[in-house]
Amino acid sequence: MSNTGTIRAWLNGDKLRSRRLREQYPLIGLIVGLIFLYILTGYQSAKQQNRLTDTKKEMLDAKFRYMTISAELTNATRQSQVAERLREQGSSLQENRVPPTKIK
């Protein structure tokens, strides 16, 4: 019988071949598998967090583009802007200076 309590027993493999440790191999395998799944889950969650951050940036950019286009459209469709463009194009249409009245 070998001395399993010494460093030499670990180095030459006697400790790994002992019956008591061999009975624990399934448990050691389970623990190693769970550690692997834990690390994999951490990487997946970091990857998903990065995608979420990128999506938020894209949404913010799209929001600002929308706000810019909306402001430009609002400015371009104002009555004064439309009248000025008509004058620049030489149109004979003129702006009505009389306010509308209600017919009863």
PDB file of N, CA and C in Angstrom:
ATOM      1  N   MET A   1       0.844  -1.175   0.000  1.00  0.00           N
ATOM      2  CA  MET A   1       0.000   0.000   0.000  1.00  0.00           C
ATOM      3  C   MET A   1       0.886   1.232   0.000  1.00  0.00           C
ATOM      4  N   SER A   2       0.539   2.210  -0.843  1.00  0.00           N
ATOM      5  CA  SER A   2       1.365   3.411  -0.955  1.00  0.00           C
ATOM      6  C   SER A   2       0.923   4.455   0.051  1.00  0.00           C
ATOM      7  N   ASN A   3       1.852   5.317   0.361  1.00  0.00           N
ATOM      8  CA  ASN A   3       1.569   6.407   1.279  1.00  0.00           C
ATOM      9  C   ASN A   3       0.889   7.517   0.502  1.00  0.00           C
ATOM     10  N   THR A   4      -0.454   7.701   0.665  1.00  0.00           N
ATOM     11  CA  THR A   4      -1.213   8.669  -0.135  1.00  0.00           C
ATOM     12  C   THR A   4      -1.206  10.051   0.471  1.00  0.00           C
ATOM     13  N   GLY A   5      -0.557  10.265   1.587  1.00  0.00           N
ATOM     14  CA  GLY A   5      -0.570  11.563   2.240  1.00  0.00           C
ATOM     15  C   GLY A   5       0.643  12.416   1.923  1.00  0.00           C
ATOM     16  N   THR A   6       1.515  11.983   1.057  1.00  0.00           N
ATOM     17  CA  THR A   6       2.728  12.746   0.776  1.00  0.00           C
ATOM     18  C   THR A   6       2.646  13.411  -0.589  1.00  0.00           C
ATOM     19  N   ILE A   7       3.535  14.329  -0.792  1.00  0.00           N
ATOM     20  CA  ILE A   7       3.620  15.030  -2.088  1.00  0.00           C
ATOM     21  C   ILE A   7       4.019  14.056  -3.176  1.00  0.00           C
ATOM     22  N   ARG A   8       4.883  13.101  -2.799  1.00  0.00           N
ATOM     23  CA  ARG A   8       5.345  12.115  -3.776  1.00  0.00           C
ATOM     24  C   ARG A   8       4.162  11.295  -4.301  1.00  0.00           C
ATOM     25  N   ALA A   9       3.181  11.021  -3.461  1.00  0.00           N
ATOM     26  CA  ALA A   9       2.005  10.257  -3.880  1.00  0.00           C
ATOM     27  C   ALA A   9       1.194  11.050  -4.907  1.00  0.00           C
ATOM     28  N   TRP A  10       1.133  12.355  -4.740  1.00  0.00           N
ATOM     29  CA  TRP A  10       0.432  13.198  -5.728  1.00  0.00           C
ATOM     30  C   TRP A  10       1.222  13.256  -7.025  1.00  0.00           C
ATOM     31  N   LEU A  11       2.539  13.417  -6.925  1.00  0.00           N
ATOM     32  CA  LEU A  11       3.367  13.582  -8.121  1.00  0.00           C
ATOM     33  C   LEU A  11       3.455  12.308  -8.955  1.00  0.00           C
ATOM     34  N   ASN A  12       3.528  11.164  -8.327  1.00  0.00           N
ATOM     35  CA  ASN A  12       3.642   9.946  -9.142  1.00  0.00           C
ATOM     36  C   ASN A  12       2.273   9.370  -9.516  1.00  0.00           C
ATOM     37  N   GLY A  13       1.158   9.981  -9.047  1.00  0.00           N
ATOM     38  CA  GLY A  13      -0.172   9.583  -9.477  1.00  0.00           C
ATOM     39  C   GLY A  13      -0.854   8.582  -8.582  1.00  0.00           C
ATOM     40  N   ASP A  14      -0.174   8.161  -7.507  1.00  0.00           N
ATOM     41  CA  ASP A  14      -0.813   7.203  -6.603  1.00  0.00           C
ATOM     42  C   ASP A  14      -2.079   7.779  -5.985  1.00  0.00           C
ATOM     43  N   LYS A  15      -2.057   9.035  -5.679  1.00  0.00           N
ATOM     44  CA  LYS A  15      -3.224   9.676  -5.050  1.00  0.00           C
ATOM     45  C   LYS A  15      -4.415   9.691  -6.021  1.00  0.00           C
ATOM     46  N   LEU A  16      -4.142   9.912  -7.305  1.00  0.00           N
ATOM     47  CA  LEU A  16      -5.211   9.959  -8.304  1.00  0.00           C
ATOM     48  C   LEU A  16      -5.803   8.566  -8.575  1.00  0.00           C
ATOM     49  N   ARG A  17      -5.012   7.521  -8.299  1.00  0.00           N
ATOM     50  CA  ARG A  17      -5.489   6.155  -8.528  1.00  0.00           C
ATOM     51  C   ARG A  17      -6.131   5.545  -7.292  1.00  0.00           C
ATOM     52  N   SER A  18      -6.170   6.278  -6.211  1.00  0.00           N
ATOM     53  CA  SER A  18      -6.731   5.713  -4.983  1.00  0.00           C
ATOM     54  C   SER A  18      -8.236   5.476  -5.153  1.00  0.00           C
ATOM     55  N   ARG A  19      -8.731   4.462  -4.480  1.00  0.00           N
ATOM     56  CA  ARG A  19     -10.140   4.082  -4.612  1.00  0.00           C
ATOM     57  C   ARG A  19     -11.069   5.190  -4.138  1.00  0.00           C
ATOM     58  N   ARG A  20     -10.698   5.843  -3.062  1.00  0.00           N
ATOM     59  CA  ARG A  20     -11.530   6.885  -2.501  1.00  0.00           C
ATOM     60  C   ARG A  20     -11.712   8.051  -3.483  1.00  0.00           C
ATOM     61  N   LEU A  21     -10.662   8.443  -4.163  1.00  0.00           N
ATOM     62  CA  LEU A  21     -10.750   9.540  -5.123  1.00  0.00           C
ATOM     63  C   LEU A  21     -11.465   9.105  -6.400  1.00  0.00           C
ATOM     64  N   ARG A  22     -11.261   7.855  -6.809  1.00  0.00           N
ATOM     65  CA  ARG A  22     -11.949   7.371  -8.014  1.00  0.00           C
ATOM     66  C   ARG A  22     -13.453   7.359  -7.832  1.00  0.00           C
ATOM     67  N   GLU A  23     -13.907   7.152  -6.620  1.00  0.00           N
ATOM     68  CA  GLU A  23     -15.341   7.192  -6.361  1.00  0.00           C
ATOM     69  C   GLU A  23     -15.910   8.602  -6.508  1.00  0.00           C
ATOM     70  N   GLN A  24     -15.055   9.587  -6.403  1.00  0.00           N
ATOM     71  CA  GLN A  24     -15.487  10.981  -6.487  1.00  0.00           C
ATOM     72  C   GLN A  24     -15.401  11.554  -7.914  1.00  0.00           C
ATOM     73  N   TYR A  25     -14.908  10.789  -8.873  1.00  0.00           N
ATOM     74  CA  TYR A  25     -14.767  11.280 -10.253  1.00  0.00           C
ATOM     75  C   TYR A  25     -16.075  11.820 -10.837  1.00  0.00           C
ATOM     76  N   PRO A  26     -17.216  11.155 -10.654  1.00  0.00           N
ATOM     77  CA  PRO A  26     -18.459  11.731 -11.197  1.00  0.00           C
ATOM     78  C   PRO A  26     -18.786  13.101 -10.584  1.00  0.00           C
ATOM     79  N   LEU A  27     -18.557  13.239  -9.285  1.00  0.00           N
ATOM     80  CA  LEU A  27     -18.813  14.524  -8.639  1.00  0.00           C
ATOM     81  C   LEU A  27     -17.857  15.593  -9.159  1.00  0.00           C
ATOM     82  N   ILE A  28     -16.595  15.241  -9.326  1.00  0.00           N
ATOM     83  CA  ILE A  28     -15.606  16.184  -9.860  1.00  0.00           C
ATOM     84  C   ILE A  28     -15.994  16.583 -11.284  1.00  0.00           C
ATOM     85  N   GLY A  29     -16.442  15.600 -12.084  1.00  0.00           N
ATOM     86  CA  GLY A  29     -16.893  15.901 -13.449  1.00  0.00           C
ATOM     87  C   GLY A  29     -18.082  16.847 -13.457  1.00  0.00           C
ATOM     88  N   LEU A  30     -19.036  16.623 -12.537  1.00  0.00           N
ATOM     89  CA  LEU A  30     -20.195  17.502 -12.436  1.00  0.00           C
ATOM     90  C   LEU A  30     -19.770  18.925 -12.066  1.00  0.00           C
ATOM     91  N   ILE A  31     -18.880  19.042 -11.107  1.00  0.00           N
ATOM     92  CA  ILE A  31     -18.412  20.369 -10.689  1.00  0.00           C
ATOM     93  C   ILE A  31     -17.694  21.073 -11.836  1.00  0.00           C
ATOM     94  N   VAL A  32     -16.841  20.355 -12.560  1.00  0.00           N
ATOM     95  CA  VAL A  32     -16.137  20.951 -13.706  1.00  0.00           C
ATOM     96  C   VAL A  32     -17.143  21.377 -14.773  1.00  0.00           C
ATOM     97  N   GLY A  33     -18.155  20.549 -15.023  1.00  0.00           N
ATOM     98  CA  GLY A  33     -19.195  20.905 -16.004  1.00  0.00           C
ATOM     99  C   GLY A  33     -19.966  22.147 -15.591  1.00  0.00           C
ATOM    100  N   LEU A  34     -20.320  22.242 -14.310  1.00  0.00           N
ATOM    101  CA  LEU A  34     -21.040  23.422 -13.827  1.00  0.00           C
ATOM    102  C   LEU A  34     -20.175  24.681 -13.913  1.00  0.00           C
ATOM    103  N   ILE A  35     -18.887  24.537 -13.629  1.00  0.00           N
ATOM    104  CA  ILE A  35     -17.979  25.688 -13.769  1.00  0.00           C
ATOM    105  C   ILE A  35     -17.922  26.132 -15.224  1.00  0.00           C
ATOM    106  N   PHE A  36     -17.845  25.169 -16.129  1.00  0.00           N
ATOM    107  CA  PHE A  36     -17.824  25.494 -17.559  1.00  0.00           C
ATOM    108  C   PHE A  36     -19.105  26.222 -17.975  1.00  0.00           C
ATOM    109  N   LEU A  37     -20.264  25.733 -17.519  1.00  0.00           N
ATOM    110  CA  LEU A  37     -21.539  26.388 -17.843  1.00  0.00           C
ATOM    111  C   LEU A  37     -21.608  27.794 -17.244  1.00  0.00           C
ATOM    112  N   TYR A  38     -21.073  27.963 -16.044  1.00  0.00           N
ATOM    113  CA  TYR A  38     -21.060  29.275 -15.400  1.00  0.00           C
ATOM    114  C   TYR A  38     -20.234  30.275 -16.212  1.00  0.00           C
ATOM    115  N   ILE A  39     -19.074  29.842 -16.663  1.00  0.00           N
ATOM    116  CA  ILE A  39     -18.220  30.718 -17.470  1.00  0.00           C
ATOM    117  C   ILE A  39     -18.891  31.025 -18.801  1.00  0.00           C
ATOM    118  N   LEU A  40     -19.467  30.013 -19.439  1.00  0.00           N
ATOM    119  CA  LEU A  40     -20.151  30.200 -20.715  1.00  0.00           C
ATOM    120  C   LEU A  40     -21.322  31.176 -20.575  1.00  0.00           C
ATOM    121  N   THR A  41     -22.092  31.044 -19.507  1.00  0.00           N
ATOM    122  CA  THR A  41     -23.219  31.944 -19.260  1.00  0.00           C
ATOM    123  C   THR A  41     -22.736  33.375 -19.058  1.00  0.00           C
ATOM    124  N   GLY A  42     -21.617  33.538 -18.375  1.00  0.00           N
ATOM    125  CA  GLY A  42     -21.047  34.876 -18.183  1.00  0.00           C
ATOM    126  C   GLY A  42     -20.668  35.518 -19.502  1.00  0.00           C
ATOM    127  N   TYR A  43     -20.035  34.745 -20.387  1.00  0.00           N
ATOM    128  CA  TYR A  43     -19.669  35.277 -21.701  1.00  0.00           C
ATOM    129  C   TYR A  43     -20.907  35.629 -22.520  1.00  0.00           C
ATOM    130  N   GLN A  44     -21.913  34.770 -22.464  1.00  0.00           N
ATOM    131  CA  GLN A  44     -23.136  35.029 -23.226  1.00  0.00           C
ATOM    132  C   GLN A  44     -23.847  36.283 -22.725  1.00  0.00           C
ATOM    133  N   SER A  45     -23.888  36.461 -21.410  1.00  0.00           N
ATOM    134  CA  SER A  45     -24.561  37.645 -20.879  1.00  0.00           C
ATOM    135  C   SER A  45     -23.776  38.917 -21.219  1.00  0.00           C
ATOM    136  N   ALA A  46     -22.447  38.847 -21.209  1.00  0.00           N
ATOM    137  CA  ALA A  46     -21.643  40.012 -21.606  1.00  0.00           C
ATOM    138  C   ALA A  46     -21.875  40.342 -23.079  1.00  0.00           C
ATOM    139  N   LYS A  47     -21.962  39.327 -23.910  1.00  0.00           N
ATOM    140  CA  LYS A  47     -22.220  39.523 -25.338  1.00  0.00           C
ATOM    141  C   LYS A  47     -23.599  40.159 -25.550  1.00  0.00           C
ATOM    142  N   GLN A  48     -24.603  39.668 -24.823  1.00  0.00           N
ATOM    143  CA  GLN A  48     -25.952  40.217 -24.949  1.00  0.00           C
ATOM    144  C   GLN A  48     -25.991  41.657 -24.434  1.00  0.00           C
ATOM    145  N   GLN A  49     -25.257  41.949 -23.384  1.00  0.00           N
ATOM    146  CA  GLN A  49     -25.212  43.313 -22.850  1.00  0.00           C
ATOM    147  C   GLN A  49     -24.581  44.260 -23.871  1.00  0.00           C
ATOM    148  N   ASN A  50     -23.531  43.803 -24.555  1.00  0.00           N
ATOM    149  CA  ASN A  50     -22.902  44.625 -25.593  1.00  0.00           C
ATOM    150  C   ASN A  50     -23.868  44.884 -26.743  1.00  0.00           C
ATOM    151  N   ARG A  51     -24.613  43.847 -27.141  1.00  0.00           N
ATOM    152  CA  ARG A  51     -25.596  44.038 -28.215  1.00  0.00           C
ATOM    153  C   ARG A  51     -26.679  45.010 -27.792  1.00  0.00           C
ATOM    154  N   LEU A  52     -27.114  44.925 -26.536  1.00  0.00           N
ATOM    155  CA  LEU A  52     -28.133  45.828 -26.017  1.00  0.00           C
ATOM    156  C   LEU A  52     -27.627  47.265 -26.011  1.00  0.00           C
ATOM    157  N   THR A  53     -26.380  47.472 -25.614  1.00  0.00           N
ATOM    158  CA  THR A  53     -25.795  48.809 -25.606  1.00  0.00           C
ATOM    159  C   THR A  53     -25.703  49.358 -27.034  1.00  0.00           C
ATOM    160  N   ASP A  54     -25.278  48.519 -27.979  1.00  0.00           N
ATOM    161  CA  ASP A  54     -25.198  48.960 -29.376  1.00  0.00           C
ATOM    162  C   ASP A  54     -26.583  49.313 -29.913  1.00  0.00           C
ATOM    163  N   THR A  55     -27.590  48.520 -29.573  1.00  0.00           N
ATOM    164  CA  THR A  55     -28.949  48.790 -30.032  1.00  0.00           C
ATOM    165  C   THR A  55     -29.471  50.099 -29.449  1.00  0.00           C
ATOM    166  N   LYS A  56     -29.163  50.347 -28.181  1.00  0.00           N
ATOM    167  CA  LYS A  56     -29.584  51.614 -27.562  1.00  0.00           C
ATOM    168  C   LYS A  56     -28.943  52.799 -28.258  1.00  0.00           C
ATOM    169  N   LYS A  57     -27.670  52.672 -28.631  1.00  0.00           N
ATOM    170  CA  LYS A  57     -26.988  53.756 -29.349  1.00  0.00           C
ATOM    171  C   LYS A  57     -27.645  53.978 -30.708  1.00  0.00           C
ATOM    172  N   GLU A  58     -27.965  52.889 -31.412  1.00  0.00           N
ATOM    173  CA  GLU A  58     -28.615  53.016 -32.716  1.00  0.00           C
ATOM    174  C   GLU A  58     -29.986  53.672 -32.577  1.00  0.00           C
ATOM    175  N   MET A  59     -30.730  53.297 -31.539  1.00  0.00           N
ATOM    176  CA  MET A  59     -32.048  53.898 -31.327  1.00  0.00           C
ATOM    177  C   MET A  59     -31.918  55.387 -31.018  1.00  0.00           C
ATOM    178  N   LEU A  60     -30.922  55.768 -30.248  1.00  0.00           N
ATOM    179  CA  LEU A  60     -30.714  57.166 -29.924  1.00  0.00           C
ATOM    180  C   LEU A  60     -30.348  57.955 -31.181  1.00  0.00           C
ATOM    181  N   ASP A  61     -29.488  57.374 -32.025  1.00  0.00           N
ATOM    182  CA  ASP A  61     -29.142  58.031 -33.289  1.00  0.00           C
ATOM    183  C   ASP A  61     -30.375  58.191 -34.177  1.00  0.00           C
ATOM    184  N   ALA A  62     -31.189  57.140 -34.259  1.00  0.00           N
ATOM    185  CA  ALA A  62     -32.406  57.211 -35.078  1.00  0.00           C
ATOM    186  C   ALA A  62     -33.368  58.262 -34.525  1.00  0.00           C
ATOM    187  N   LYS A  63     -33.461  58.361 -33.206  1.00  0.00           N
ATOM    188  CA  LYS A  63     -34.335  59.360 -32.590  1.00  0.00           C
ATOM    189  C   LYS A  63     -33.876  60.768 -32.953  1.00  0.00           C
ATOM    190  N   PHE A  64     -32.570  61.014 -32.883  1.00  0.00           N
ATOM    191  CA  PHE A  64     -32.061  62.340 -33.217  1.00  0.00           C
ATOM    192  C   PHE A  64     -32.222  62.649 -34.707  1.00  0.00           C
ATOM    193  N   ARG A  65     -32.039  61.626 -35.564  1.00  0.00           N
ATOM    194  CA  ARG A  65     -32.277  61.839 -37.004  1.00  0.00           C
ATOM    195  C   ARG A  65     -33.742  62.191 -37.232  1.00  0.00           C
ATOM    196  N   TYR A  66     -34.657  61.481 -36.560  1.00  0.00           N
ATOM    197  CA  TYR A  66     -36.088  61.763 -36.686  1.00  0.00           C
ATOM    198  C   TYR A  66     -36.392  63.184 -36.242  1.00  0.00           C
ATOM    199  N   MET A  67     -35.839  63.588 -35.111  1.00  0.00           N
ATOM    200  CA  MET A  67     -36.108  64.929 -34.597  1.00  0.00           C
ATOM    201  C   MET A  67     -35.577  65.993 -35.554  1.00  0.00           C
ATOM    202  N   THR A  68     -34.418  65.756 -36.152  1.00  0.00           N
ATOM    203  CA  THR A  68     -33.852  66.705 -37.113  1.00  0.00           C
ATOM    204  C   THR A  68     -34.724  66.810 -38.351  1.00  0.00           C
ATOM    205  N   ILE A  69     -35.120  65.665 -38.902  1.00  0.00           N
ATOM    206  CA  ILE A  69     -35.955  65.662 -40.105  1.00  0.00           C
ATOM    207  C   ILE A  69     -37.313  66.287 -39.805  1.00  0.00           C
ATOM    208  N   SER A  70     -37.879  65.988 -38.639  1.00  0.00           N
ATOM    209  CA  SER A  70     -39.166  66.559 -38.259  1.00  0.00           C
ATOM    210  C   SER A  70     -39.087  68.076 -38.145  1.00  0.00           C
ATOM    211  N   ALA A  71     -38.013  68.578 -37.546  1.00  0.00           N
ATOM    212  CA  ALA A  71     -37.848  70.028 -37.412  1.00  0.00           C
ATOM    213  C   ALA A  71     -37.677  70.681 -38.788  1.00  0.00           C
ATOM    214  N   GLU A  72     -36.909  70.033 -39.660  1.00  0.00           N
ATOM    215  CA  GLU A  72     -36.730  70.574 -41.013  1.00  0.00           C
ATOM    216  C   GLU A  72     -38.049  70.594 -41.768  1.00  0.00           C
ATOM    217  N   LEU A  73     -38.829  69.527 -41.650  1.00  0.00           N
ATOM    218  CA  LEU A  73     -40.120  69.455 -42.322  1.00  0.00           C
ATOM    219  C   LEU A  73     -41.081  70.505 -41.777  1.00  0.00           C
ATOM    220  N   THR A  74     -41.106  70.673 -40.466  1.00  0.00           N
ATOM    221  CA  THR A  74     -41.971  71.685 -39.852  1.00  0.00           C
ATOM    222  C   THR A  74     -41.588  73.073 -40.350  1.00  0.00           C
ATOM    223  N   ASN A  75     -40.302  73.330 -40.425  1.00  0.00           N
ATOM    224  CA  ASN A  75     -39.830  74.631 -40.894  1.00  0.00           C
ATOM    225  C   ASN A  75     -40.163  74.832 -42.374  1.00  0.00           C
ATOM    226  N   ALA A  76     -40.000  73.772 -43.171  1.00  0.00           N
ATOM    227  CA  ALA A  76     -40.229  73.902 -44.608  1.00  0.00           C
ATOM    228  C   ALA A  76     -41.706  74.069 -44.952  1.00  0.00           C
ATOM    229  N   THR A  77     -42.608  73.609 -44.104  1.00  0.00           N
ATOM    230  CA  THR A  77     -44.030  73.689 -44.429  1.00  0.00           C
ATOM    231  C   THR A  77     -44.732  74.856 -43.739  1.00  0.00           C
ATOM    232  N   ARG A  78     -43.991  75.724 -43.118  1.00  0.00           N
ATOM    233  CA  ARG A  78     -44.618  76.920 -42.537  1.00  0.00           C
ATOM    234  C   ARG A  78     -45.137  77.813 -43.651  1.00  0.00           C
ATOM    235  N   GLN A  79     -46.197  78.542 -43.338  1.00  0.00           N
ATOM    236  CA  GLN A  79     -46.842  79.382 -44.345  1.00  0.00           C
ATOM    237  C   GLN A  79     -45.865  80.394 -44.920  1.00  0.00           C
ATOM    238  N   SER A  80     -45.045  80.993 -44.092  1.00  0.00           N
ATOM    239  CA  SER A  80     -44.106  81.993 -44.586  1.00  0.00           C
ATOM    240  C   SER A  80     -43.068  81.365 -45.515  1.00  0.00           C
ATOM    241  N   GLN A  81     -42.619  80.145 -45.200  1.00  0.00           N
ATOM    242  CA  GLN A  81     -41.635  79.471 -46.049  1.00  0.00           C
ATOM    243  C   GLN A  81     -42.250  79.069 -47.393  1.00  0.00           C
ATOM    244  N   VAL A  82     -43.495  78.589 -47.356  1.00  0.00           N
ATOM    245  CA  VAL A  82     -44.167  78.191 -48.602  1.00  0.00           C
ATOM    246  C   VAL A  82     -44.381  79.422 -49.487  1.00  0.00           C
ATOM    247  N   ALA A  83     -44.815  80.540 -48.884  1.00  0.00           N
ATOM    248  CA  ALA A  83     -45.031  81.772 -49.654  1.00  0.00           C
ATOM    249  C   ALA A  83     -43.723  82.267 -50.255  1.00  0.00           C
ATOM    250  N   GLU A  84     -42.652  82.182 -49.499  1.00  0.00           N
ATOM    251  CA  GLU A  84     -41.355  82.639 -50.016  1.00  0.00           C
ATOM    252  C   GLU A  84     -40.894  81.775 -51.178  1.00  0.00           C
ATOM    253  N   ARG A  85     -41.079  80.444 -51.071  1.00  0.00           N
ATOM    254  CA  ARG A  85     -40.701  79.566 -52.178  1.00  0.00           C
ATOM    255  C   ARG A  85     -41.540  79.838 -53.421  1.00  0.00           C
ATOM    256  N   LEU A  86     -42.823  80.107 -53.214  1.00  0.00           N
ATOM    257  CA  LEU A  86     -43.679  80.421 -54.368  1.00  0.00           C
ATOM    258  C   LEU A  86     -43.203  81.691 -55.053  1.00  0.00           C
ATOM    259  N   ARG A  87     -42.831  82.719 -54.260  1.00  0.00           N
ATOM    260  CA  ARG A  87     -42.312  83.962 -54.849  1.00  0.00           C
ATOM    261  C   ARG A  87     -41.009  83.703 -55.600  1.00  0.00           C
ATOM    262  N   GLU A  88     -40.139  82.893 -55.050  1.00  0.00           N
ATOM    263  CA  GLU A  88     -38.857  82.580 -55.699  1.00  0.00           C
ATOM    264  C   GLU A  88     -39.068  81.861 -57.023  1.00  0.00           C
ATOM    265  N   GLN A  89     -40.097  81.023 -57.109  1.00  0.00           N
ATOM    266  CA  GLN A  89     -40.373  80.276 -58.330  1.00  0.00           C
ATOM    267  C   GLN A  89     -41.186  81.088 -59.335  1.00  0.00           C
ATOM    268  N   GLY A  90     -41.575  82.268 -58.936  1.00  0.00           N
ATOM    269  CA  GLY A  90     -42.309  83.133 -59.853  1.00  0.00           C
ATOM    270  C   GLY A  90     -43.767  82.759 -60.007  1.00  0.00           C
ATOM    271  N   SER A  91     -44.354  82.159 -59.021  1.00  0.00           N
ATOM    272  CA  SER A  91     -45.752  81.753 -59.096  1.00  0.00           C
ATOM    273  C   SER A  91     -46.655  82.980 -58.941  1.00  0.00           C
ATOM    274  N   SER A  92     -47.838  82.930 -59.542  1.00  0.00           N
ATOM    275  CA  SER A  92     -48.782  84.039 -59.439  1.00  0.00           C
ATOM    276  C   SER A  92     -49.679  83.910 -58.208  1.00  0.00           C
ATOM    277  N   LEU A  93     -49.532  82.816 -57.444  1.00  0.00           N
ATOM    278  CA  LEU A  93     -50.322  82.649 -56.219  1.00  0.00           C
ATOM    279  C   LEU A  93     -49.846  83.648 -55.177  1.00  0.00           C
ATOM    280  N   GLN A  94     -50.809  84.175 -54.419  1.00  0.00           N
ATOM    281  CA  GLN A  94     -50.463  85.141 -53.384  1.00  0.00           C
ATOM    282  C   GLN A  94     -51.083  84.698 -52.074  1.00  0.00           C
ATOM    283  N   GLU A  95     -50.487  85.165 -51.002  1.00  0.00           N
ATOM    284  CA  GLU A  95     -50.961  84.831 -49.671  1.00  0.00           C
ATOM    285  C   GLU A  95     -52.215  85.625 -49.364  1.00  0.00           C
ATOM    286  N   ASN A  96     -53.216  84.969 -48.786  1.00  0.00           N
ATOM    287  CA  ASN A  96     -54.452  85.643 -48.434  1.00  0.00           C
ATOM    288  C   ASN A  96     -54.236  86.463 -47.179  1.00  0.00           C
ATOM    289  N   ARG A  97     -54.473  87.782 -47.271  1.00  0.00           N
ATOM    290  CA  ARG A  97     -54.255  88.664 -46.126  1.00  0.00           C
ATOM    291  C   ARG A  97     -55.525  88.852 -45.283  1.00  0.00           C
ATOM    292  N   VAL A  98     -56.679  88.419 -45.795  1.00  0.00           N
ATOM    293  CA  VAL A  98     -57.945  88.572 -45.089  1.00  0.00           C
ATOM    294  C   VAL A  98     -58.179  87.324 -44.245  1.00  0.00           C
ATOM    295  N   PRO A  99     -58.431  87.497 -42.958  1.00  0.00           N
ATOM    296  CA  PRO A  99     -58.660  86.304 -42.120  1.00  0.00           C
ATOM    297  C   PRO A  99     -59.970  85.629 -42.528  1.00  0.00           C
ATOM    298  N   PRO A 100     -60.041  84.335 -42.335  1.00  0.00           N
ATOM    299  CA  PRO A 100     -61.256  83.611 -42.697  1.00  0.00           C
ATOM    300  C   PRO A 100     -62.414  84.007 -41.771  1.00  0.00           C
ATOM    301  N   THR A 101     -63.622  83.974 -42.344  1.00  0.00           N
ATOM    302  CA  THR A 101     -64.815  84.323 -41.559  1.00  0.00           C
ATOM    303  C   THR A 101     -65.737  83.118 -41.523  1.00  0.00           C
ATOM    304  N   LYS A 102     -66.506  83.045 -40.463  1.00  0.00           N
ATOM    305  CA  LYS A 102     -67.428  81.934 -40.290  1.00  0.00           C
ATOM    306  C   LYS A 102     -68.765  82.306 -40.935  1.00  0.00           C
ATOM    307  N   ILE A 103     -69.308  81.398 -41.705  1.00  0.00           N
ATOM    308  CA  ILE A 103     -70.622  81.624 -42.324  1.00  0.00           C
ATOM    309  C   ILE A 103     -71.640  80.855 -41.495  1.00  0.00           C
ATOM    310  N   LYS A 104     -72.658  81.637 -41.058  1.00  0.00           N
ATOM    311  CA  LYS A 104     -73.679  81.015 -40.216  1.00  0.00           C
ATOM    312  C   LYS A 104     -74.915  80.708 -40.996  1.00  0.00           C
TER     313      LYS A 104
END
